[in-house]
Each structure stands twice: as C-alpha cells, then as structure tokens.
Amino acid sequence: MDDEKKPEAFRPLGDRVLVRVQSRPERSAGGLYLPSDARGRENIGEVLACGPGRYSEHGVLVPCGVSPGQVVRFDPYRVLLVLDEDGSRECTASVHAKAGQLAVVRDVDILYVVEP
C-alpha cells in the first residue's frame, strides 16, 4: 500500500478550502526590492478544492464562495492546517504556511478573490 498522499486525494469537508500557497512578490509595484520582513506572511494562493459548504441556522446549505482555480487572499492567522506539497507532514496552524505548501482555511476566512 502506498503511504504517499497527493493533494488531489484531499477532499475538504464543510466550508473548508484547500489552497496552494504562493510566494509574495520580492519587488513593489514601483520596482523597489522588499525585505522579507516587510513582505509579511504568505497569504495568497490558488484554490485546489472546496467543501460543499456550511448549513445555515435554518438548515439551508450555503455553498462556498470560491471555486477551484481561483486565486484568493486569506487571513494568515486563521489557517487550520498546513501540509507539505506532497500532502505529508501535517502540522497545526501555529506553523505559518510558506510558498508551495498547502493550507486548509475556512470559507469565511478568505478575504477576497484576486482577479487576473
């Protein structure tokens, strides 16, 4: 049996969203180099998979507001789980997600969709 987990094998439940974290730009819009401490935490990524949504107080299913393939910005302090690119080494949110890692966030913790 193969113990290797693949990102495609993960199916989020409820209002959880699986995001591949992207690196932040090293330069500003004006072309200036930004030091790593000025760039802040990685909080932008591509949505890989979404759960079906959450149920409201009245029992109505409210679907996730994002879909796979969209690029989103999320709250870096509200990440539920961080996984390596291959899906191994699960760790809690006390370890902040880095570029290339997979992050599980709730739909309500996604701030906005980045339009191309």
PDB file of N, CA and C in Angstrom:
ATOM      1  N   MET A   1       0.840  -1.185   0.000  1.00  0.00           N
ATOM      2  CA  MET A   1       0.000   0.000   0.000  1.00  0.00           C
ATOM      3  C   MET A   1       0.885   1.249   0.000  1.00  0.00           C
ATOM      4  N   ASP A   2       0.537   2.201  -0.783  1.00  0.00           N
ATOM      5  CA  ASP A   2       1.310   3.425  -0.912  1.00  0.00           C
ATOM      6  C   ASP A   2       0.876   4.423   0.159  1.00  0.00           C
ATOM      7  N   ASP A   3       1.833   4.853   1.008  1.00  0.00           N
ATOM      8  CA  ASP A   3       1.523   5.799   2.080  1.00  0.00           C
ATOM      9  C   ASP A   3       1.628   7.244   1.608  1.00  0.00           C
ATOM     10  N   GLU A   4       2.061   7.450   0.377  1.00  0.00           N
ATOM     11  CA  GLU A   4       2.233   8.791  -0.162  1.00  0.00           C
ATOM     12  C   GLU A   4       0.876   9.431  -0.429  1.00  0.00           C
ATOM     13  N   LYS A   5       0.638  10.612   0.139  1.00  0.00           N
ATOM     14  CA  LYS A   5      -0.625  11.332  -0.073  1.00  0.00           C
ATOM     15  C   LYS A   5      -0.425  12.359  -1.172  1.00  0.00           C
ATOM     16  N   LYS A   6      -1.387  12.509  -2.033  1.00  0.00           N
ATOM     17  CA  LYS A   6      -1.343  13.504  -3.106  1.00  0.00           C
ATOM     18  C   LYS A   6      -2.387  14.579  -2.821  1.00  0.00           C
ATOM     19  N   PRO A   7      -2.099  15.864  -3.187  1.00  0.00           N
ATOM     20  CA  PRO A   7      -3.077  16.927  -2.945  1.00  0.00           C
ATOM     21  C   PRO A   7      -4.425  16.646  -3.582  1.00  0.00           C
ATOM     22  N   GLU A   8      -4.433  15.952  -4.732  1.00  0.00           N
ATOM     23  CA  GLU A   8      -5.695  15.658  -5.405  1.00  0.00           C
ATOM     24  C   GLU A   8      -6.543  14.692  -4.594  1.00  0.00           C
ATOM     25  N   ALA A   9      -5.912  13.960  -3.665  1.00  0.00           N
ATOM     26  CA  ALA A   9      -6.632  12.967  -2.875  1.00  0.00           C
ATOM     27  C   ALA A   9      -7.380  13.603  -1.709  1.00  0.00           C
ATOM     28  N   PHE A  10      -7.136  14.869  -1.435  1.00  0.00           N
ATOM     29  CA  PHE A  10      -7.801  15.539  -0.334  1.00  0.00           C
ATOM     30  C   PHE A  10      -9.130  16.117  -0.808  1.00  0.00           C
ATOM     31  N   ARG A  11     -10.177  15.870  -0.058  1.00  0.00           N
ATOM     32  CA  ARG A  11     -11.498  16.426  -0.354  1.00  0.00           C
ATOM     33  C   ARG A  11     -11.966  17.147   0.905  1.00  0.00           C
ATOM     34  N   PRO A  12     -11.899  18.473   0.927  1.00  0.00           N
ATOM     35  CA  PRO A  12     -12.321  19.217   2.109  1.00  0.00           C
ATOM     36  C   PRO A  12     -13.794  18.988   2.428  1.00  0.00           C
ATOM     37  N   LEU A  13     -14.115  19.007   3.689  1.00  0.00           N
ATOM     38  CA  LEU A  13     -15.495  18.848   4.149  1.00  0.00           C
ATOM     39  C   LEU A  13     -16.027  20.180   4.656  1.00  0.00           C
ATOM     40  N   GLY A  14     -17.326  20.314   4.700  1.00  0.00           N
ATOM     41  CA  GLY A  14     -17.953  21.526   5.227  1.00  0.00           C
ATOM     42  C   GLY A  14     -17.565  22.749   4.429  1.00  0.00           C
ATOM     43  N   ASP A  15     -17.195  23.802   5.123  1.00  0.00           N
ATOM     44  CA  ASP A  15     -16.826  25.048   4.455  1.00  0.00           C
ATOM     45  C   ASP A  15     -15.316  25.230   4.387  1.00  0.00           C
ATOM     46  N   ARG A  16     -14.568  24.116   4.411  1.00  0.00           N
ATOM     47  CA  ARG A  16     -13.105  24.181   4.325  1.00  0.00           C
ATOM     48  C   ARG A  16     -12.671  24.297   2.871  1.00  0.00           C
ATOM     49  N   VAL A  17     -11.523  24.970   2.665  1.00  0.00           N
ATOM     50  CA  VAL A  17     -10.972  25.187   1.329  1.00  0.00           C
ATOM     51  C   VAL A  17      -9.493  24.822   1.369  1.00  0.00           C
ATOM     52  N   LEU A  18      -9.029  24.059   0.376  1.00  0.00           N
ATOM     53  CA  LEU A  18      -7.622  23.673   0.249  1.00  0.00           C
ATOM     54  C   LEU A  18      -6.953  24.647  -0.711  1.00  0.00           C
ATOM     55  N   VAL A  19      -5.889  25.313  -0.244  1.00  0.00           N
ATOM     56  CA  VAL A  19      -5.225  26.365  -1.013  1.00  0.00           C
ATOM     57  C   VAL A  19      -3.732  26.033  -1.139  1.00  0.00           C
ATOM     58  N   ARG A  20      -3.178  26.160  -2.358  1.00  0.00           N
ATOM     59  CA  ARG A  20      -1.720  26.064  -2.544  1.00  0.00           C
ATOM     60  C   ARG A  20      -1.160  27.467  -2.384  1.00  0.00           C
ATOM     61  N   VAL A  21      -0.340  27.656  -1.362  1.00  0.00           N
ATOM     62  CA  VAL A  21       0.186  28.975  -1.008  1.00  0.00           C
ATOM     63  C   VAL A  21       1.222  29.409  -2.042  1.00  0.00           C
ATOM     64  N   GLN A  22       1.141  30.667  -2.466  1.00  0.00           N
ATOM     65  CA  GLN A  22       2.081  31.251  -3.419  1.00  0.00           C
ATOM     66  C   GLN A  22       2.979  32.239  -2.697  1.00  0.00           C
ATOM     67  N   SER A  23       4.161  32.467  -3.260  1.00  0.00           N
ATOM     68  CA  SER A  23       5.084  33.414  -2.637  1.00  0.00           C
ATOM     69  C   SER A  23       4.658  34.841  -2.955  1.00  0.00           C
ATOM     70  N   ARG A  24       5.000  35.713  -2.058  1.00  0.00           N
ATOM     71  CA  ARG A  24       4.686  37.128  -2.253  1.00  0.00           C
ATOM     72  C   ARG A  24       5.763  37.748  -3.124  1.00  0.00           C
ATOM     73  N   PRO A  25       5.458  38.809  -3.862  1.00  0.00           N
ATOM     74  CA  PRO A  25       6.453  39.415  -4.753  1.00  0.00           C
ATOM     75  C   PRO A  25       7.627  40.000  -3.978  1.00  0.00           C
ATOM     76  N   GLU A  26       8.814  39.928  -4.589  1.00  0.00           N
ATOM     77  CA  GLU A  26      10.024  40.467  -3.954  1.00  0.00           C
ATOM     78  C   GLU A  26      10.199  41.950  -4.246  1.00  0.00           C
ATOM     79  N   ARG A  27       9.418  42.449  -5.216  1.00  0.00           N
ATOM     80  CA  ARG A  27       9.508  43.864  -5.576  1.00  0.00           C
ATOM     81  C   ARG A  27       8.151  44.532  -5.405  1.00  0.00           C
ATOM     82  N   SER A  28       8.179  45.803  -5.108  1.00  0.00           N
ATOM     83  CA  SER A  28       6.942  46.582  -5.017  1.00  0.00           C
ATOM     84  C   SER A  28       6.465  46.934  -6.417  1.00  0.00           C
ATOM     85  N   ALA A  29       5.290  47.549  -6.513  1.00  0.00           N
ATOM     86  CA  ALA A  29       4.756  47.961  -7.813  1.00  0.00           C
ATOM     87  C   ALA A  29       5.670  48.977  -8.484  1.00  0.00           C
ATOM     88  N   GLY A  30       6.406  49.742  -7.683  1.00  0.00           N
ATOM     89  CA  GLY A  30       7.325  50.741  -8.224  1.00  0.00           C
ATOM     90  C   GLY A  30       8.697  50.187  -8.560  1.00  0.00           C
ATOM     91  N   GLY A  31       8.933  48.894  -8.292  1.00  0.00           N
ATOM     92  CA  GLY A  31      10.207  48.267  -8.641  1.00  0.00           C
ATOM     93  C   GLY A  31      11.206  48.179  -7.510  1.00  0.00           C
ATOM     94  N   LEU A  32      10.841  48.624  -6.311  1.00  0.00           N
ATOM     95  CA  LEU A  32      11.768  48.561  -5.184  1.00  0.00           C
ATOM     96  C   LEU A  32      11.787  47.155  -4.593  1.00  0.00           C
ATOM     97  N   TYR A  33      12.964  46.701  -4.176  1.00  0.00           N
ATOM     98  CA  TYR A  33      13.067  45.398  -3.519  1.00  0.00           C
ATOM     99  C   TYR A  33      12.513  45.491  -2.099  1.00  0.00           C
ATOM    100  N   LEU A  34      11.718  44.490  -1.718  1.00  0.00           N
ATOM    101  CA  LEU A  34      11.131  44.459  -0.383  1.00  0.00           C
ATOM    102  C   LEU A  34      11.867  43.430   0.465  1.00  0.00           C
ATOM    103  N   PRO A  35      12.360  43.811   1.635  1.00  0.00           N
ATOM    104  CA  PRO A  35      12.976  42.815   2.513  1.00  0.00           C
ATOM    105  C   PRO A  35      11.923  41.818   2.992  1.00  0.00           C
ATOM    106  N   SER A  36      12.357  40.639   3.374  1.00  0.00           N
ATOM    107  CA  SER A  36      11.418  39.574   3.734  1.00  0.00           C
ATOM    108  C   SER A  36      10.515  39.967   4.907  1.00  0.00           C
ATOM    109  N   ASP A  37      11.016  40.738   5.865  1.00  0.00           N
ATOM    110  CA  ASP A  37      10.173  41.124   6.999  1.00  0.00           C
ATOM    111  C   ASP A  37       9.127  42.168   6.599  1.00  0.00           C
ATOM    112  N   ALA A  38       9.346  42.902   5.522  1.00  0.00           N
ATOM    113  CA  ALA A  38       8.361  43.883   5.060  1.00  0.00           C
ATOM    114  C   ALA A  38       7.266  43.234   4.219  1.00  0.00           C
ATOM    115  N   ARG A  39       7.543  42.053   3.668  1.00  0.00           N
ATOM    116  CA  ARG A  39       6.557  41.376   2.831  1.00  0.00           C
ATOM    117  C   ARG A  39       5.453  40.734   3.654  1.00  0.00           C
ATOM    118  N   GLY A  40       5.724  40.424   4.909  1.00  0.00           N
ATOM    119  CA  GLY A  40       4.706  39.817   5.760  1.00  0.00           C
ATOM    120  C   GLY A  40       4.551  38.328   5.509  1.00  0.00           C
ATOM    121  N   ARG A  41       3.497  37.757   6.042  1.00  0.00           N
ATOM    122  CA  ARG A  41       3.238  36.327   5.914  1.00  0.00           C
ATOM    123  C   ARG A  41       2.609  36.007   4.561  1.00  0.00           C
ATOM    124  N   GLU A  42       2.873  34.786   4.099  1.00  0.00           N
ATOM    125  CA  GLU A  42       2.280  34.349   2.833  1.00  0.00           C
ATOM    126  C   GLU A  42       0.778  34.188   3.045  1.00  0.00           C
ATOM    127  N   ASN A  43      -0.016  34.895   2.289  1.00  0.00           N
ATOM    128  CA  ASN A  43      -1.462  34.811   2.468  1.00  0.00           C
ATOM    129  C   ASN A  43      -2.218  34.897   1.145  1.00  0.00           C
ATOM    130  N   ILE A  44      -1.587  34.408   0.099  1.00  0.00           N
ATOM    131  CA  ILE A  44      -2.246  34.380  -1.199  1.00  0.00           C
ATOM    132  C   ILE A  44      -1.994  33.005  -1.806  1.00  0.00           C
ATOM    133  N   GLY A  45      -2.978  32.472  -2.504  1.00  0.00           N
ATOM    134  CA  GLY A  45      -2.791  31.152  -3.090  1.00  0.00           C
ATOM    135  C   GLY A  45      -3.912  30.760  -4.028  1.00  0.00           C
ATOM    136  N   GLU A  46      -3.695  29.624  -4.701  1.00  0.00           N
ATOM    137  CA  GLU A  46      -4.673  29.098  -5.651  1.00  0.00           C
ATOM    138  C   GLU A  46      -5.543  28.056  -4.962  1.00  0.00           C
ATOM    139  N   VAL A  47      -6.838  28.154  -5.155  1.00  0.00           N
ATOM    140  CA  VAL A  47      -7.782  27.199  -4.580  1.00  0.00           C
ATOM    141  C   VAL A  47      -7.677  25.888  -5.359  1.00  0.00           C
ATOM    142  N   LEU A  48      -7.412  24.789  -4.640  1.00  0.00           N
ATOM    143  CA  LEU A  48      -7.328  23.470  -5.262  1.00  0.00           C
ATOM    144  C   LEU A  48      -8.633  22.701  -5.129  1.00  0.00           C
ATOM    145  N   ALA A  49      -9.292  22.831  -3.994  1.00  0.00           N
ATOM    146  CA  ALA A  49     -10.539  22.100  -3.753  1.00  0.00           C
ATOM    147  C   ALA A  49     -11.361  22.830  -2.703  1.00  0.00           C
ATOM    148  N   CYS A  50     -12.677  22.655  -2.775  1.00  0.00           N
ATOM    149  CA  CYS A  50     -13.611  23.268  -1.829  1.00  0.00           C
ATOM    150  C   CYS A  50     -14.554  22.209  -1.292  1.00  0.00           C
ATOM    151  N   GLY A  51     -14.974  22.400  -0.048  1.00  0.00           N
ATOM    152  CA  GLY A  51     -16.008  21.549   0.504  1.00  0.00           C
ATOM    153  C   GLY A  51     -17.363  21.969  -0.046  1.00  0.00           C
ATOM    154  N   PRO A  52     -18.419  21.223   0.278  1.00  0.00           N
ATOM    155  CA  PRO A  52     -19.749  21.550  -0.245  1.00  0.00           C
ATOM    156  C   PRO A  52     -20.328  22.837   0.321  1.00  0.00           C
ATOM    157  N   GLY A  53     -19.883  23.277   1.482  1.00  0.00           N
ATOM    158  CA  GLY A  53     -20.409  24.489   2.105  1.00  0.00           C
ATOM    159  C   GLY A  53     -20.827  24.213   3.529  1.00  0.00           C
ATOM    160  N   ARG A  54     -21.521  25.171   4.133  1.00  0.00           N
ATOM    161  CA  ARG A  54     -21.980  25.012   5.515  1.00  0.00           C
ATOM    162  C   ARG A  54     -23.494  25.143   5.554  1.00  0.00           C
ATOM    163  N   TYR A  55     -24.067  24.651   6.630  1.00  0.00           N
ATOM    164  CA  TYR A  55     -25.515  24.755   6.796  1.00  0.00           C
ATOM    165  C   TYR A  55     -25.843  25.972   7.651  1.00  0.00           C
ATOM    166  N   SER A  56     -26.834  26.725   7.239  1.00  0.00           N
ATOM    167  CA  SER A  56     -27.259  27.909   7.978  1.00  0.00           C
ATOM    168  C   SER A  56     -28.098  27.489   9.179  1.00  0.00           C
ATOM    169  N   GLU A  57     -28.531  28.457   9.953  1.00  0.00           N
ATOM    170  CA  GLU A  57     -29.383  28.196  11.124  1.00  0.00           C
ATOM    171  C   GLU A  57     -30.686  27.517  10.737  1.00  0.00           C
ATOM    172  N   HIS A  58     -31.133  27.738   9.506  1.00  0.00           N
ATOM    173  CA  HIS A  58     -32.409  27.211   9.043  1.00  0.00           C
ATOM    174  C   HIS A  58     -32.258  25.900   8.274  1.00  0.00           C
ATOM    175  N   GLY A  59     -31.041  25.342   8.267  1.00  0.00           N
ATOM    176  CA  GLY A  59     -30.810  24.064   7.604  1.00  0.00           C
ATOM    177  C   GLY A  59     -30.605  24.146   6.105  1.00  0.00           C
ATOM    178  N   VAL A  60     -30.343  25.337   5.595  1.00  0.00           N
ATOM    179  CA  VAL A  60     -30.118  25.517   4.163  1.00  0.00           C
ATOM    180  C   VAL A  60     -28.613  25.459   3.898  1.00  0.00           C
ATOM    181  N   LEU A  61     -28.208  24.694   2.882  1.00  0.00           N
ATOM    182  CA  LEU A  61     -26.800  24.594   2.522  1.00  0.00           C
ATOM    183  C   LEU A  61     -26.345  25.874   1.831  1.00  0.00           C
ATOM    184  N   VAL A  62     -25.338  26.526   2.414  1.00  0.00           N
ATOM    185  CA  VAL A  62     -24.749  27.732   1.838  1.00  0.00           C
ATOM    186  C   VAL A  62     -23.426  27.307   1.199  1.00  0.00           C
ATOM    187  N   PRO A  63     -23.339  27.301  -0.141  1.00  0.00           N
ATOM    188  CA  PRO A  63     -22.121  26.829  -0.799  1.00  0.00           C
ATOM    189  C   PRO A  63     -20.943  27.772  -0.575  1.00  0.00           C
ATOM    190  N   CYS A  64     -19.731  27.254  -0.774  1.00  0.00           N
ATOM    191  CA  CYS A  64     -18.519  28.070  -0.655  1.00  0.00           C
ATOM    192  C   CYS A  64     -18.546  29.165  -1.710  1.00  0.00           C
ATOM    193  N   GLY A  65     -17.984  30.305  -1.370  1.00  0.00           N
ATOM    194  CA  GLY A  65     -17.987  31.447  -2.272  1.00  0.00           C
ATOM    195  C   GLY A  65     -16.865  31.438  -3.288  1.00  0.00           C
ATOM    196  N   VAL A  66     -15.990  30.430  -3.241  1.00  0.00           N
ATOM    197  CA  VAL A  66     -14.884  30.335  -4.191  1.00  0.00           C
ATOM    198  C   VAL A  66     -14.956  28.990  -4.900  1.00  0.00           C
ATOM    199  N   SER A  67     -14.207  28.880  -5.990  1.00  0.00           N
ATOM    200  CA  SER A  67     -14.173  27.621  -6.730  1.00  0.00           C
ATOM    201  C   SER A  67     -12.731  27.291  -7.084  1.00  0.00           C
ATOM    202  N   PRO A  68     -12.435  26.020  -7.360  1.00  0.00           N
ATOM    203  CA  PRO A  68     -11.066  25.629  -7.717  1.00  0.00           C
ATOM    204  C   PRO A  68     -10.549  26.417  -8.913  1.00  0.00           C
ATOM    205  N   GLY A  69      -9.279  26.799  -8.839  1.00  0.00           N
ATOM    206  CA  GLY A  69      -8.648  27.565  -9.906  1.00  0.00           C
ATOM    207  C   GLY A  69      -8.551  29.046  -9.615  1.00  0.00           C
ATOM    208  N   GLN A  70      -9.364  29.560  -8.697  1.00  0.00           N
ATOM    209  CA  GLN A  70      -9.313  30.983  -8.372  1.00  0.00           C
ATOM    210  C   GLN A  70      -8.119  31.266  -7.453  1.00  0.00           C
ATOM    211  N   VAL A  71      -7.584  32.468  -7.570  1.00  0.00           N
ATOM    212  CA  VAL A  71      -6.503  32.925  -6.689  1.00  0.00           C
ATOM    213  C   VAL A  71      -7.145  33.799  -5.625  1.00  0.00           C
ATOM    214  N   VAL A  72      -6.857  33.496  -4.353  1.00  0.00           N
ATOM    215  CA  VAL A  72      -7.509  34.194  -3.248  1.00  0.00           C
ATOM    216  C   VAL A  72      -6.485  34.711  -2.252  1.00  0.00           C
ATOM    217  N   ARG A  73      -6.880  35.704  -1.494  1.00  0.00           N
ATOM    218  CA  ARG A  73      -6.086  36.182  -0.353  1.00  0.00           C
ATOM    219  C   ARG A  73      -6.863  35.795   0.895  1.00  0.00           C
ATOM    220  N   PHE A  74      -6.158  35.187   1.857  1.00  0.00           N
ATOM    221  CA  PHE A  74      -6.797  34.694   3.070  1.00  0.00           C
ATOM    222  C   PHE A  74      -6.108  35.249   4.301  1.00  0.00           C
ATOM    223  N   ASP A  75      -6.764  35.135   5.441  1.00  0.00           N
ATOM    224  CA  ASP A  75      -6.216  35.593   6.715  1.00  0.00           C
ATOM    225  C   ASP A  75      -5.150  34.603   7.168  1.00  0.00           C
ATOM    226  N   PRO A  76      -3.864  34.993   7.210  1.00  0.00           N
ATOM    227  CA  PRO A  76      -2.803  34.039   7.550  1.00  0.00           C
ATOM    228  C   PRO A  76      -2.855  33.561   8.999  1.00  0.00           C
ATOM    229  N   TYR A  77      -3.588  34.264   9.845  1.00  0.00           N
ATOM    230  CA  TYR A  77      -3.673  33.873  11.255  1.00  0.00           C
ATOM    231  C   TYR A  77      -4.828  32.905  11.507  1.00  0.00           C
ATOM    232  N   ARG A  78      -5.613  32.598  10.492  1.00  0.00           N
ATOM    233  CA  ARG A  78      -6.778  31.717  10.648  1.00  0.00           C
ATOM    234  C   ARG A  78      -6.626  30.406   9.881  1.00  0.00           C
ATOM    235  N   VAL A  79      -5.392  30.037   9.501  1.00  0.00           N
ATOM    236  CA  VAL A  79      -5.135  28.783   8.799  1.00  0.00           C
ATOM    237  C   VAL A  79      -5.354  27.627   9.773  1.00  0.00           C
ATOM    238  N   LEU A  80      -6.126  26.619   9.349  1.00  0.00           N
ATOM    239  CA  LEU A  80      -6.441  25.486  10.213  1.00  0.00           C
ATOM    240  C   LEU A  80      -5.367  24.415  10.199  1.00  0.00           C
ATOM    241  N   LEU A  81      -4.768  24.173   9.040  1.00  0.00           N
ATOM    242  CA  LEU A  81      -3.830  23.067   8.872  1.00  0.00           C
ATOM    243  C   LEU A  81      -2.863  23.403   7.752  1.00  0.00           C
ATOM    244  N   VAL A  82      -1.592  23.003   7.913  1.00  0.00           N
ATOM    245  CA  VAL A  82      -0.573  23.230   6.890  1.00  0.00           C
ATOM    246  C   VAL A  82      -0.007  21.877   6.482  1.00  0.00           C
ATOM    247  N   LEU A  83       0.086  21.641   5.167  1.00  0.00           N
ATOM    248  CA  LEU A  83       0.625  20.395   4.623  1.00  0.00           C
ATOM    249  C   LEU A  83       1.757  20.719   3.663  1.00  0.00           C
ATOM    250  N   ASP A  84       2.732  19.788   3.542  1.00  0.00           N
ATOM    251  CA  ASP A  84       3.752  19.951   2.516  1.00  0.00           C
ATOM    252  C   ASP A  84       3.124  19.739   1.156  1.00  0.00           C
ATOM    253  N   GLU A  85       3.864  20.081   0.108  1.00  0.00           N
ATOM    254  CA  GLU A  85       3.359  19.979  -1.263  1.00  0.00           C
ATOM    255  C   GLU A  85       2.850  18.589  -1.605  1.00  0.00           C
ATOM    256  N   ASP A  86       3.498  17.554  -1.100  1.00  0.00           N
ATOM    257  CA  ASP A  86       3.079  16.187  -1.414  1.00  0.00           C
ATOM    258  C   ASP A  86       1.986  15.679  -0.479  1.00  0.00           C
ATOM    259  N   GLY A  87       1.523  16.514   0.431  1.00  0.00           N
ATOM    260  CA  GLY A  87       0.441  16.134   1.336  1.00  0.00           C
ATOM    261  C   GLY A  87       0.917  15.511   2.626  1.00  0.00           C
ATOM    262  N   SER A  88       2.230  15.433   2.823  1.00  0.00           N
ATOM    263  CA  SER A  88       2.755  14.833   4.048  1.00  0.00           C
ATOM    264  C   SER A  88       3.018  15.902   5.107  1.00  0.00           C
ATOM    265  N   ARG A  89       3.446  15.454   6.256  1.00  0.00           N
ATOM    266  CA  ARG A  89       3.830  16.302   7.383  1.00  0.00           C
ATOM    267  C   ARG A  89       2.756  17.309   7.741  1.00  0.00           C
ATOM    268  N   GLU A  90       1.687  16.806   8.271  1.00  0.00           N
ATOM    269  CA  GLU A  90       0.617  17.676   8.738  1.00  0.00           C
ATOM    270  C   GLU A  90       1.083  18.416   9.980  1.00  0.00           C
ATOM    271  N   CYS A  91       0.789  19.672  10.064  1.00  0.00           N
ATOM    272  CA  CYS A  91       1.109  20.433  11.265  1.00  0.00           C
ATOM    273  C   CYS A  91      -0.012  21.432  11.520  1.00  0.00           C
ATOM    274  N   THR A  92      -0.072  21.871  12.736  1.00  0.00           N
ATOM    275  CA  THR A  92      -1.143  22.780  13.118  1.00  0.00           C
ATOM    276  C   THR A  92      -0.853  24.182  12.622  1.00  0.00           C
ATOM    277  N   ALA A  93      -1.768  25.054  12.810  1.00  0.00           N
ATOM    278  CA  ALA A  93      -1.664  26.413  12.290  1.00  0.00           C
ATOM    279  C   ALA A  93      -0.632  27.252  13.026  1.00  0.00           C
ATOM    280  N   SER A  94      -0.047  26.743  14.128  1.00  0.00           N
ATOM    281  CA  SER A  94       0.978  27.527  14.812  1.00  0.00           C
ATOM    282  C   SER A  94       2.208  27.676  13.913  1.00  0.00           C
ATOM    283  N   VAL A  95       2.355  26.779  12.930  1.00  0.00           N
ATOM    284  CA  VAL A  95       3.389  26.914  11.913  1.00  0.00           C
ATOM    285  C   VAL A  95       2.757  27.607  10.723  1.00  0.00           C
ATOM    286  N   HIS A  96       3.262  28.768  10.336  1.00  0.00           N
ATOM    287  CA  HIS A  96       2.641  29.528   9.256  1.00  0.00           C
ATOM    288  C   HIS A  96       3.010  28.943   7.906  1.00  0.00           C
ATOM    289  N   ALA A  97       2.076  28.978   6.984  1.00  0.00           N
ATOM    290  CA  ALA A  97       2.264  28.395   5.658  1.00  0.00           C
ATOM    291  C   ALA A  97       3.299  29.181   4.868  1.00  0.00           C
ATOM    292  N   LYS A  98       4.133  28.428   4.146  1.00  0.00           N
ATOM    293  CA  LYS A  98       5.139  29.014   3.279  1.00  0.00           C
ATOM    294  C   LYS A  98       4.777  28.698   1.837  1.00  0.00           C
ATOM    295  N   ALA A  99       5.397  29.400   0.907  1.00  0.00           N
ATOM    296  CA  ALA A  99       5.118  29.196  -0.521  1.00  0.00           C
ATOM    297  C   ALA A  99       5.326  27.739  -0.900  1.00  0.00           C
ATOM    298  N   GLY A 100       4.384  27.192  -1.664  1.00  0.00           N
ATOM    299  CA  GLY A 100       4.460  25.816  -2.111  1.00  0.00           C
ATOM    300  C   GLY A 100       3.742  24.838  -1.203  1.00  0.00           C
ATOM    301  N   GLN A 101       3.457  25.240   0.031  1.00  0.00           N
ATOM    302  CA  GLN A 101       2.743  24.359   0.945  1.00  0.00           C
ATOM    303  C   GLN A 101       1.241  24.460   0.697  1.00  0.00           C
ATOM    304  N   LEU A 102       0.511  23.517   1.254  1.00  0.00           N
ATOM    305  CA  LEU A 102      -0.944  23.512   1.158  1.00  0.00           C
ATOM    306  C   LEU A 102      -1.519  23.979   2.483  1.00  0.00           C
ATOM    307  N   ALA A 103      -2.517  24.823   2.432  1.00  0.00           N
ATOM    308  CA  ALA A 103      -3.155  25.338   3.638  1.00  0.00           C
ATOM    309  C   ALA A 103      -4.653  25.044   3.568  1.00  0.00           C
ATOM    310  N   VAL A 104      -5.226  24.673   4.695  1.00  0.00           N
ATOM    311  CA  VAL A 104      -6.663  24.473   4.800  1.00  0.00           C
ATOM    312  C   VAL A 104      -7.224  25.651   5.582  1.00  0.00           C
ATOM    313  N   VAL A 105      -8.140  26.389   4.953  1.00  0.00           N
ATOM    314  CA  VAL A 105      -8.774  27.548   5.587  1.00  0.00           C
ATOM    315  C   VAL A 105     -10.283  27.413   5.460  1.00  0.00           C
ATOM    316  N   ARG A 106     -11.010  28.120   6.313  1.00  0.00           N
ATOM    317  CA  ARG A 106     -12.467  28.143   6.193  1.00  0.00           C
ATOM    318  C   ARG A 106     -12.859  29.180   5.146  1.00  0.00           C
ATOM    319  N   ASP A 107     -13.987  28.952   4.533  1.00  0.00           N
ATOM    320  CA  ASP A 107     -14.504  29.850   3.500  1.00  0.00           C
ATOM    321  C   ASP A 107     -14.637  31.282   4.023  1.00  0.00           C
ATOM    322  N   VAL A 108     -15.063  31.450   5.254  1.00  0.00           N
ATOM    323  CA  VAL A 108     -15.268  32.790   5.811  1.00  0.00           C
ATOM    324  C   VAL A 108     -13.953  33.510   6.090  1.00  0.00           C
ATOM    325  N   ASP A 109     -12.821  32.779   6.105  1.00  0.00           N
ATOM    326  CA  ASP A 109     -11.518  33.389   6.348  1.00  0.00           C
ATOM    327  C   ASP A 109     -10.819  33.810   5.058  1.00  0.00           C
ATOM    328  N   ILE A 110     -11.478  33.621   3.917  1.00  0.00           N
ATOM    329  CA  ILE A 110     -10.953  34.118   2.647  1.00  0.00           C
ATOM    330  C   ILE A 110     -11.405  35.558   2.507  1.00  0.00           C
ATOM    331  N   LEU A 111     -10.450  36.454   2.335  1.00  0.00           N
ATOM    332  CA  LEU A 111     -10.753  37.888   2.316  1.00  0.00           C
ATOM    333  C   LEU A 111     -11.314  38.341   0.974  1.00  0.00           C
ATOM    334  N   TYR A 112     -10.691  37.906  -0.128  1.00  0.00           N
ATOM    335  CA  TYR A 112     -11.189  38.282  -1.454  1.00  0.00           C
ATOM    336  C   TYR A 112     -10.527  37.429  -2.521  1.00  0.00           C
ATOM    337  N   VAL A 113     -11.136  37.458  -3.709  1.00  0.00           N
ATOM    338  CA  VAL A 113     -10.608  36.764  -4.878  1.00  0.00           C
ATOM    339  C   VAL A 113      -9.761  37.750  -5.661  1.00  0.00           C
ATOM    340  N   VAL A 114      -8.551  37.329  -6.046  1.00  0.00           N
ATOM    341  CA  VAL A 114      -7.658  38.182  -6.842  1.00  0.00           C
ATOM    342  C   VAL A 114      -8.028  37.990  -8.303  1.00  0.00           C
ATOM    343  N   GLU A 115      -8.490  39.040  -8.943  1.00  0.00           N
ATOM    344  CA  GLU A 115      -8.868  38.977 -10.357  1.00  0.00           C
ATOM    345  C   GLU A 115      -7.623  39.127 -11.210  1.00  0.00           C
ATOM    346  N   PRO A 116      -7.542  38.387 -12.331  1.00  0.00           N
ATOM    347  CA  PRO A 116      -6.347  38.492 -13.203  1.00  0.00           C
ATOM    348  C   PRO A 116      -6.259  39.814 -13.927  1.00  0.00           C
TER     349      PRO A 116
END
